[in-house]
Amino acid sequence: MSQTIAFVTGATGTQGGATARELLSAGVKVHALVRDPSSKSAIEIQRLGAQLFPGNFNDISSLKAAITQPLAFNKHEIDLGAESLTPAQIVQELSRVSGVEIRLEFYGEQEAKDLAVRNPKIYAELWANEVGYQVDFEELEKYSIRLTKFSGYLEKHRDEVIQTFA
């Protein structure tokens, strides 16, 4: 069986870079699309084992060179998520890993609606409460995408979690 290859766009940015590093640490071969292969962040990703592909979304040939087995993902909308946790479950895990008892408090419904007018983050949370984050976890199993669960992430970054809540 051939090794899994992940195509990571924005590999020198915050999200793409974190994605590339996590995939590489999991033993996945990474094809990283980068605008400038001589940039400090591109060189760092390459040093970690990624194969760099110079290009951008305006240059279709650069995308074709970086993608392998595109038909496995072609015309598929793939929702990413490892699990769906409630705020109480998140706080419980943070408390467990940090060793600090973390309390959970909620705004009242009207108070939250009033605050949402001025705060887009609260508005997004209200939307999430009504609509929810819809991920078909069974459908996701069809792909070679393996995501880290929240508890696994916290364990991997235990020192940082402890430092954050110290």
N, C-alpha and C. Protein backbone atom coordinates (compact mmCIF):
# COMPACT_ATOMS: atom_id res chain seq x y z
N MET A 1 0.84 -1.18 0.00
CA MET A 1 0.00 0.00 0.00
C MET A 1 0.89 1.24 0.00
N SER A 2 0.53 2.22 -0.79
CA SER A 2 1.35 3.43 -0.88
C SER A 2 1.12 4.32 0.33
N GLN A 3 2.11 5.15 0.60
CA GLN A 3 2.03 6.07 1.74
C GLN A 3 0.99 7.16 1.46
N THR A 4 0.27 7.54 2.49
CA THR A 4 -0.70 8.62 2.37
C THR A 4 0.03 9.93 2.09
N ILE A 5 -0.50 10.68 1.14
CA ILE A 5 0.07 11.99 0.82
C ILE A 5 -1.02 13.03 1.05
N ALA A 6 -0.68 14.07 1.79
CA ALA A 6 -1.62 15.16 2.05
C ALA A 6 -1.16 16.39 1.29
N PHE A 7 -2.10 17.04 0.63
CA PHE A 7 -1.83 18.30 -0.07
C PHE A 7 -2.28 19.42 0.85
N VAL A 8 -1.33 20.24 1.30
CA VAL A 8 -1.63 21.31 2.24
C VAL A 8 -1.44 22.66 1.55
N THR A 9 -2.51 23.42 1.46
CA THR A 9 -2.42 24.77 0.92
C THR A 9 -2.17 25.73 2.07
N GLY A 10 -1.58 26.85 1.76
CA GLY A 10 -1.30 27.83 2.81
C GLY A 10 -0.34 27.27 3.84
N ALA A 11 0.59 26.44 3.41
CA ALA A 11 1.46 25.71 4.34
C ALA A 11 2.42 26.60 5.10
N THR A 12 2.56 27.85 4.70
CA THR A 12 3.43 28.77 5.45
C THR A 12 2.62 29.68 6.36
N GLY A 13 1.31 29.51 6.37
CA GLY A 13 0.46 30.31 7.24
C GLY A 13 0.21 29.62 8.57
N THR A 14 -0.61 30.23 9.38
CA THR A 14 -0.89 29.70 10.71
C THR A 14 -1.60 28.35 10.65
N GLN A 15 -2.73 28.28 9.96
CA GLN A 15 -3.50 27.03 9.92
C GLN A 15 -2.83 25.98 9.05
N GLY A 16 -2.41 26.39 7.85
CA GLY A 16 -1.75 25.44 6.96
C GLY A 16 -0.45 24.92 7.53
N GLY A 17 0.32 25.80 8.17
CA GLY A 17 1.58 25.39 8.78
C GLY A 17 1.36 24.41 9.91
N ALA A 18 0.38 24.68 10.76
CA ALA A 18 0.06 23.77 11.87
C ALA A 18 -0.42 22.43 11.32
N THR A 19 -1.22 22.48 10.27
CA THR A 19 -1.71 21.25 9.65
C THR A 19 -0.55 20.44 9.09
N ALA A 20 0.35 21.09 8.36
CA ALA A 20 1.50 20.40 7.77
C ALA A 20 2.37 19.77 8.86
N ARG A 21 2.64 20.51 9.93
CA ARG A 21 3.48 19.97 11.01
C ARG A 21 2.83 18.76 11.68
N GLU A 22 1.53 18.84 11.92
CA GLU A 22 0.83 17.71 12.55
C GLU A 22 0.86 16.48 11.64
N LEU A 23 0.60 16.68 10.36
CA LEU A 23 0.63 15.56 9.42
C LEU A 23 2.01 14.94 9.35
N LEU A 24 3.03 15.77 9.26
CA LEU A 24 4.40 15.26 9.20
C LEU A 24 4.76 14.49 10.46
N SER A 25 4.35 14.99 11.61
CA SER A 25 4.66 14.29 12.86
C SER A 25 3.92 12.96 12.96
N ALA A 26 2.82 12.83 12.21
CA ALA A 26 2.06 11.57 12.19
C ALA A 26 2.57 10.62 11.10
N GLY A 27 3.62 11.02 10.40
CA GLY A 27 4.20 10.15 9.38
C GLY A 27 3.55 10.26 8.01
N VAL A 28 2.74 11.27 7.82
CA VAL A 28 2.09 11.48 6.52
C VAL A 28 3.02 12.30 5.63
N LYS A 29 3.12 11.89 4.38
CA LYS A 29 3.91 12.66 3.42
C LYS A 29 3.11 13.91 3.05
N VAL A 30 3.78 15.07 3.07
CA VAL A 30 3.09 16.34 2.83
C VAL A 30 3.60 17.01 1.56
N HIS A 31 2.68 17.34 0.67
CA HIS A 31 2.96 18.20 -0.47
C HIS A 31 2.43 19.58 -0.09
N ALA A 32 3.33 20.53 0.06
CA ALA A 32 2.98 21.86 0.58
C ALA A 32 3.00 22.89 -0.53
N LEU A 33 1.85 23.51 -0.76
CA LEU A 33 1.77 24.60 -1.73
C LEU A 33 2.22 25.88 -1.04
N VAL A 34 3.27 26.51 -1.59
CA VAL A 34 3.81 27.74 -0.99
C VAL A 34 4.04 28.76 -2.09
N ARG A 35 3.80 30.02 -1.77
CA ARG A 35 4.04 31.08 -2.75
C ARG A 35 5.53 31.31 -2.95
N ASP A 36 6.29 31.29 -1.85
CA ASP A 36 7.72 31.60 -1.90
C ASP A 36 8.50 30.52 -1.18
N PRO A 37 9.08 29.56 -1.93
CA PRO A 37 9.81 28.47 -1.29
C PRO A 37 11.08 28.91 -0.57
N SER A 38 11.50 30.15 -0.78
CA SER A 38 12.70 30.63 -0.08
C SER A 38 12.36 31.34 1.23
N SER A 39 11.07 31.45 1.55
CA SER A 39 10.68 32.12 2.80
C SER A 39 11.09 31.27 4.00
N LYS A 40 11.27 31.93 5.13
CA LYS A 40 11.69 31.26 6.36
C LYS A 40 10.72 30.13 6.73
N SER A 41 9.42 30.42 6.67
CA SER A 41 8.44 29.40 7.06
C SER A 41 8.39 28.24 6.07
N ALA A 42 8.60 28.50 4.78
CA ALA A 42 8.64 27.42 3.79
C ALA A 42 9.85 26.52 4.02
N ILE A 43 10.98 27.13 4.29
CA ILE A 43 12.20 26.36 4.55
C ILE A 43 12.03 25.49 5.79
N GLU A 44 11.37 26.03 6.81
CA GLU A 44 11.13 25.27 8.04
C GLU A 44 10.24 24.05 7.78
N ILE A 45 9.17 24.24 7.01
CA ILE A 45 8.27 23.11 6.68
C ILE A 45 9.03 22.07 5.85
N GLN A 46 9.86 22.53 4.93
CA GLN A 46 10.65 21.61 4.12
C GLN A 46 11.65 20.84 4.99
N ARG A 47 12.27 21.53 5.93
CA ARG A 47 13.22 20.88 6.84
C ARG A 47 12.54 19.77 7.64
N LEU A 48 11.27 19.94 7.94
CA LEU A 48 10.52 18.93 8.68
C LEU A 48 10.11 17.74 7.81
N GLY A 49 10.29 17.88 6.48
CA GLY A 49 10.02 16.76 5.60
C GLY A 49 9.00 16.99 4.50
N ALA A 50 8.42 18.17 4.45
CA ALA A 50 7.43 18.44 3.41
C ALA A 50 8.11 18.65 2.06
N GLN A 51 7.43 18.26 1.01
CA GLN A 51 7.91 18.55 -0.34
C GLN A 51 7.21 19.83 -0.78
N LEU A 52 7.99 20.85 -1.12
CA LEU A 52 7.43 22.15 -1.47
C LEU A 52 7.04 22.20 -2.94
N PHE A 53 5.91 22.84 -3.20
CA PHE A 53 5.44 23.09 -4.55
C PHE A 53 5.13 24.57 -4.66
N PRO A 54 6.00 25.32 -5.36
CA PRO A 54 5.74 26.75 -5.50
C PRO A 54 4.49 26.98 -6.34
N GLY A 55 3.65 27.88 -5.90
CA GLY A 55 2.46 28.18 -6.68
C GLY A 55 1.42 28.88 -5.85
N ASN A 56 0.28 29.10 -6.51
CA ASN A 56 -0.85 29.72 -5.82
C ASN A 56 -2.13 29.33 -6.56
N PHE A 57 -3.26 29.73 -6.03
CA PHE A 57 -4.54 29.32 -6.59
C PHE A 57 -4.83 29.96 -7.95
N ASN A 58 -4.07 30.94 -8.34
CA ASN A 58 -4.24 31.56 -9.65
C ASN A 58 -3.45 30.83 -10.73
N ASP A 59 -2.64 29.87 -10.34
CA ASP A 59 -1.80 29.12 -11.27
C ASP A 59 -2.20 27.65 -11.20
N ILE A 60 -3.13 27.25 -12.07
CA ILE A 60 -3.69 25.90 -12.04
C ILE A 60 -2.62 24.84 -12.22
N SER A 61 -1.62 25.08 -13.07
CA SER A 61 -0.59 24.06 -13.29
C SER A 61 0.21 23.79 -12.02
N SER A 62 0.39 24.81 -11.18
CA SER A 62 1.12 24.58 -9.92
C SER A 62 0.29 23.70 -8.98
N LEU A 63 -1.02 23.83 -9.04
CA LEU A 63 -1.87 22.98 -8.21
C LEU A 63 -1.85 21.54 -8.70
N LYS A 64 -1.91 21.35 -10.01
CA LYS A 64 -1.88 20.00 -10.57
C LYS A 64 -0.60 19.27 -10.20
N ALA A 65 0.51 19.98 -10.16
CA ALA A 65 1.78 19.35 -9.83
C ALA A 65 1.82 18.88 -8.38
N ALA A 66 1.09 19.52 -7.52
CA ALA A 66 1.15 19.20 -6.09
C ALA A 66 0.15 18.12 -5.66
N ILE A 67 -0.91 17.94 -6.40
CA ILE A 67 -1.97 17.02 -5.98
C ILE A 67 -1.76 15.65 -6.60
N THR A 68 -1.85 14.62 -5.76
CA THR A 68 -1.86 13.25 -6.26
C THR A 68 -3.20 12.63 -5.89
N GLN A 69 -3.65 11.71 -6.67
CA GLN A 69 -4.93 11.03 -6.48
C GLN A 69 -6.08 12.01 -6.24
N PRO A 70 -6.25 12.98 -7.11
CA PRO A 70 -7.29 13.98 -6.87
C PRO A 70 -8.71 13.43 -6.96
N LEU A 71 -8.91 12.32 -7.67
CA LEU A 71 -10.27 11.81 -7.83
C LEU A 71 -10.87 11.31 -6.52
N ALA A 72 -10.03 10.94 -5.58
CA ALA A 72 -10.54 10.49 -4.28
C ALA A 72 -11.29 11.61 -3.56
N PHE A 73 -10.94 12.85 -3.87
CA PHE A 73 -11.53 13.99 -3.19
C PHE A 73 -12.33 14.89 -4.13
N ASN A 74 -12.26 14.62 -5.44
CA ASN A 74 -12.90 15.46 -6.43
C ASN A 74 -14.41 15.54 -6.21
N LYS A 75 -14.93 16.76 -6.18
CA LYS A 75 -16.35 17.04 -6.05
C LYS A 75 -16.95 16.52 -4.74
N HIS A 76 -16.09 16.36 -3.74
CA HIS A 76 -16.56 15.94 -2.42
C HIS A 76 -16.39 17.10 -1.46
N GLU A 77 -17.43 17.39 -0.73
CA GLU A 77 -17.33 18.37 0.34
C GLU A 77 -17.03 17.57 1.60
N ILE A 78 -15.88 17.83 2.20
CA ILE A 78 -15.44 17.03 3.34
C ILE A 78 -15.43 17.90 4.59
N ASP A 79 -16.34 17.60 5.48
CA ASP A 79 -16.36 18.31 6.76
C ASP A 79 -15.30 17.68 7.66
N LEU A 80 -14.55 18.52 8.33
CA LEU A 80 -13.51 18.01 9.21
C LEU A 80 -13.92 18.18 10.66
N GLY A 81 -13.72 17.16 11.42
CA GLY A 81 -14.01 17.20 12.84
C GLY A 81 -13.71 15.83 13.41
N ALA A 82 -13.16 15.80 14.60
CA ALA A 82 -12.84 14.53 15.23
C ALA A 82 -13.93 14.09 16.19
N GLU A 83 -14.64 15.07 16.76
CA GLU A 83 -15.69 14.76 17.72
C GLU A 83 -16.52 16.01 17.95
N SER A 84 -17.63 15.84 18.61
CA SER A 84 -18.51 16.96 18.92
C SER A 84 -18.66 17.01 20.43
N LEU A 85 -18.03 18.00 21.05
CA LEU A 85 -18.04 18.11 22.51
C LEU A 85 -18.91 19.26 22.97
N THR A 86 -19.52 19.08 24.12
CA THR A 86 -20.27 20.15 24.75
C THR A 86 -19.29 21.05 25.50
N PRO A 87 -19.69 22.27 25.82
CA PRO A 87 -18.81 23.12 26.64
C PRO A 87 -18.42 22.44 27.96
N ALA A 88 -19.34 21.73 28.57
CA ALA A 88 -19.04 21.04 29.83
C ALA A 88 -17.96 19.97 29.63
N GLN A 89 -18.00 19.24 28.52
CA GLN A 89 -16.99 18.23 28.24
C GLN A 89 -15.63 18.87 27.98
N ILE A 90 -15.62 20.01 27.30
CA ILE A 90 -14.37 20.72 27.04
C ILE A 90 -13.75 21.18 28.35
N VAL A 91 -14.55 21.78 29.21
CA VAL A 91 -14.05 22.26 30.50
C VAL A 91 -13.55 21.10 31.35
N GLN A 92 -14.27 19.98 31.31
CA GLN A 92 -13.85 18.80 32.07
C GLN A 92 -12.47 18.32 31.62
N GLU A 93 -12.24 18.27 30.32
CA GLU A 93 -10.93 17.83 29.80
C GLU A 93 -9.83 18.84 30.15
N LEU A 94 -10.14 20.13 30.01
CA LEU A 94 -9.15 21.16 30.37
C LEU A 94 -8.79 21.06 31.85
N SER A 95 -9.78 20.84 32.69
CA SER A 95 -9.53 20.70 34.13
C SER A 95 -8.69 19.47 34.42
N ARG A 96 -9.01 18.36 33.76
CA ARG A 96 -8.27 17.12 33.97
C ARG A 96 -6.80 17.27 33.61
N VAL A 97 -6.53 17.84 32.45
CA VAL A 97 -5.15 17.95 31.98
C VAL A 97 -4.38 19.03 32.72
N SER A 98 -5.03 20.14 33.03
CA SER A 98 -4.33 21.25 33.69
C SER A 98 -4.16 21.03 35.18
N GLY A 99 -5.02 20.18 35.76
CA GLY A 99 -4.98 19.99 37.21
C GLY A 99 -5.63 21.13 37.97
N VAL A 100 -6.31 22.01 37.25
CA VAL A 100 -6.97 23.17 37.86
C VAL A 100 -8.47 23.03 37.64
N GLU A 101 -9.25 23.24 38.70
CA GLU A 101 -10.70 23.19 38.54
C GLU A 101 -11.16 24.43 37.79
N ILE A 102 -11.75 24.22 36.64
CA ILE A 102 -12.23 25.32 35.81
C ILE A 102 -13.75 25.32 35.87
N ARG A 103 -14.30 26.48 36.14
CA ARG A 103 -15.75 26.61 36.25
C ARG A 103 -16.34 27.02 34.90
N LEU A 104 -17.56 26.65 34.72
CA LEU A 104 -18.28 26.96 33.48
C LEU A 104 -19.50 27.80 33.83
N GLU A 105 -19.61 28.95 33.20
CA GLU A 105 -20.76 29.83 33.42
C GLU A 105 -21.32 30.22 32.07
N PHE A 106 -22.63 30.37 32.02
CA PHE A 106 -23.30 30.74 30.77
C PHE A 106 -24.03 32.07 30.95
N TYR A 107 -24.11 32.82 29.87
CA TYR A 107 -24.98 33.99 29.85
C TYR A 107 -26.43 33.51 29.78
N GLY A 108 -27.34 34.31 30.30
CA GLY A 108 -28.76 34.05 30.08
C GLY A 108 -29.08 34.30 28.61
N GLU A 109 -30.17 33.73 28.14
CA GLU A 109 -30.50 33.83 26.71
C GLU A 109 -30.60 35.27 26.23
N GLN A 110 -31.33 36.11 26.95
CA GLN A 110 -31.50 37.50 26.52
C GLN A 110 -30.19 38.27 26.62
N GLU A 111 -29.44 38.03 27.68
CA GLU A 111 -28.15 38.71 27.84
C GLU A 111 -27.21 38.36 26.68
N ALA A 112 -27.19 37.08 26.31
CA ALA A 112 -26.35 36.65 25.19
C ALA A 112 -26.78 37.32 23.89
N LYS A 113 -28.08 37.41 23.65
CA LYS A 113 -28.57 38.05 22.43
C LYS A 113 -28.21 39.53 22.40
N ASP A 114 -28.31 40.18 23.55
CA ASP A 114 -27.94 41.60 23.63
C ASP A 114 -26.45 41.80 23.36
N LEU A 115 -25.62 40.93 23.91
CA LEU A 115 -24.17 41.02 23.71
C LEU A 115 -23.77 40.67 22.28
N ALA A 116 -24.51 39.76 21.66
CA ALA A 116 -24.18 39.30 20.31
C ALA A 116 -24.25 40.43 19.28
N VAL A 117 -25.07 41.43 19.54
CA VAL A 117 -25.18 42.56 18.63
C VAL A 117 -23.84 43.27 18.50
N ARG A 118 -23.08 43.32 19.57
CA ARG A 118 -21.79 44.03 19.58
C ARG A 118 -20.59 43.09 19.48
N ASN A 119 -20.81 41.80 19.63
CA ASN A 119 -19.69 40.87 19.68
C ASN A 119 -19.92 39.70 18.73
N PRO A 120 -19.23 39.69 17.58
CA PRO A 120 -19.45 38.62 16.60
C PRO A 120 -19.11 37.23 17.13
N LYS A 121 -18.21 37.14 18.11
CA LYS A 121 -17.88 35.82 18.66
C LYS A 121 -19.09 35.23 19.39
N ILE A 122 -19.77 36.08 20.15
CA ILE A 122 -20.96 35.59 20.86
C ILE A 122 -22.06 35.26 19.85
N TYR A 123 -22.18 36.06 18.80
CA TYR A 123 -23.15 35.77 17.75
C TYR A 123 -22.87 34.39 17.14
N ALA A 124 -21.59 34.11 16.88
CA ALA A 124 -21.20 32.82 16.30
C ALA A 124 -21.55 31.67 17.25
N GLU A 125 -21.36 31.89 18.54
CA GLU A 125 -21.70 30.85 19.52
C GLU A 125 -23.21 30.60 19.57
N LEU A 126 -23.99 31.67 19.48
CA LEU A 126 -25.45 31.51 19.45
C LEU A 126 -25.87 30.73 18.21
N TRP A 127 -25.23 31.05 17.08
CA TRP A 127 -25.51 30.32 15.85
C TRP A 127 -25.16 28.85 16.02
N ALA A 128 -24.00 28.58 16.62
CA ALA A 128 -23.57 27.19 16.82
C ALA A 128 -24.54 26.44 17.73
N ASN A 129 -25.08 27.14 18.72
CA ASN A 129 -26.06 26.49 19.61
C ASN A 129 -27.33 26.11 18.87
N GLU A 130 -27.73 26.95 17.92
CA GLU A 130 -28.96 26.68 17.17
C GLU A 130 -28.74 25.66 16.05
N VAL A 131 -27.68 25.85 15.29
CA VAL A 131 -27.43 25.02 14.12
C VAL A 131 -26.52 23.84 14.45
N GLY A 132 -25.51 24.10 15.25
CA GLY A 132 -24.54 23.06 15.59
C GLY A 132 -23.51 22.89 14.49
N TYR A 133 -22.42 22.26 14.84
CA TYR A 133 -21.37 21.97 13.86
C TYR A 133 -21.68 20.60 13.29
N GLN A 134 -22.06 20.58 12.03
CA GLN A 134 -22.54 19.36 11.40
C GLN A 134 -21.40 18.61 10.72
N VAL A 135 -20.95 17.55 11.33
CA VAL A 135 -19.94 16.69 10.72
C VAL A 135 -20.49 15.27 10.72
N ASP A 136 -20.46 14.64 9.55
CA ASP A 136 -20.86 13.25 9.44
C ASP A 136 -19.61 12.41 9.68
N PHE A 137 -19.44 11.97 10.93
CA PHE A 137 -18.22 11.26 11.31
C PHE A 137 -18.09 9.92 10.57
N GLU A 138 -19.20 9.26 10.28
CA GLU A 138 -19.13 8.00 9.53
C GLU A 138 -18.65 8.26 8.10
N GLU A 139 -19.14 9.32 7.49
CA GLU A 139 -18.71 9.68 6.13
C GLU A 139 -17.22 10.00 6.11
N LEU A 140 -16.75 10.67 7.12
CA LEU A 140 -15.34 11.06 7.21
C LEU A 140 -14.42 9.84 7.27
N GLU A 141 -14.92 8.73 7.80
CA GLU A 141 -14.11 7.51 7.91
C GLU A 141 -13.71 6.96 6.54
N LYS A 142 -14.42 7.32 5.47
CA LYS A 142 -14.10 6.83 4.12
C LYS A 142 -12.77 7.37 3.62
N TYR A 143 -12.34 8.48 4.17
CA TYR A 143 -11.13 9.13 3.68
C TYR A 143 -9.95 8.78 4.57
N SER A 144 -8.77 9.01 4.06
CA SER A 144 -7.55 8.70 4.82
C SER A 144 -7.18 9.87 5.74
N ILE A 145 -8.18 10.57 6.21
CA ILE A 145 -7.96 11.73 7.07
C ILE A 145 -8.16 11.29 8.51
N ARG A 146 -7.12 11.35 9.30
CA ARG A 146 -7.22 10.99 10.71
C ARG A 146 -6.95 12.23 11.54
N LEU A 147 -7.93 12.63 12.31
CA LEU A 147 -7.83 13.86 13.09
C LEU A 147 -7.63 13.54 14.57
N THR A 148 -7.01 14.46 15.26
CA THR A 148 -6.74 14.29 16.68
C THR A 148 -7.95 14.71 17.49
N LYS A 149 -8.32 13.88 18.45
CA LYS A 149 -9.41 14.25 19.36
C LYS A 149 -8.89 15.27 20.36
N PHE A 150 -9.82 16.02 20.96
CA PHE A 150 -9.47 17.11 21.88
C PHE A 150 -8.59 16.62 23.02
N SER A 151 -8.95 15.50 23.62
CA SER A 151 -8.15 14.99 24.75
C SER A 151 -6.74 14.63 24.30
N GLY A 152 -6.60 14.08 23.11
CA GLY A 152 -5.28 13.76 22.57
C GLY A 152 -4.44 15.00 22.33
N TYR A 153 -5.09 16.05 21.82
CA TYR A 153 -4.39 17.31 21.60
C TYR A 153 -3.91 17.88 22.93
N LEU A 154 -4.79 17.87 23.93
CA LEU A 154 -4.41 18.41 25.24
C LEU A 154 -3.27 17.60 25.86
N GLU A 155 -3.31 16.29 25.71
CA GLU A 155 -2.22 15.45 26.24
C GLU A 155 -0.90 15.77 25.53
N LYS A 156 -0.96 15.92 24.24
CA LYS A 156 0.25 16.22 23.47
C LYS A 156 0.84 17.57 23.88
N HIS A 157 -0.03 18.50 24.26
CA HIS A 157 0.41 19.85 24.63
C HIS A 157 0.20 20.11 26.12
N ARG A 158 0.35 19.06 26.91
CA ARG A 158 0.09 19.13 28.35
C ARG A 158 0.86 20.27 29.02
N ASP A 159 2.13 20.40 28.72
CA ASP A 159 2.94 21.45 29.37
C ASP A 159 2.37 22.84 29.10
N GLU A 160 1.96 23.09 27.85
CA GLU A 160 1.39 24.39 27.51
C GLU A 160 0.05 24.61 28.21
N VAL A 161 -0.75 23.54 28.31
CA VAL A 161 -2.05 23.65 28.98
C VAL A 161 -1.84 23.99 30.46
N ILE A 162 -0.92 23.28 31.09
CA ILE A 162 -0.63 23.53 32.51
C ILE A 162 -0.14 24.96 32.69
N GLN A 163 0.75 25.41 31.81
CA GLN A 163 1.28 26.77 31.90
C GLN A 163 0.15 27.80 31.71
N THR A 164 -0.76 27.53 30.81
CA THR A 164 -1.86 28.46 30.54
C THR A 164 -2.75 28.65 31.76
N PHE A 165 -3.02 27.58 32.48
CA PHE A 165 -3.95 27.65 33.61
C PHE A 165 -3.26 27.75 34.97
N ALA A 166 -1.94 27.91 34.96
CA ALA A 166 -1.20 28.01 36.24
C ALA A 166 -1.51 29.32 36.95
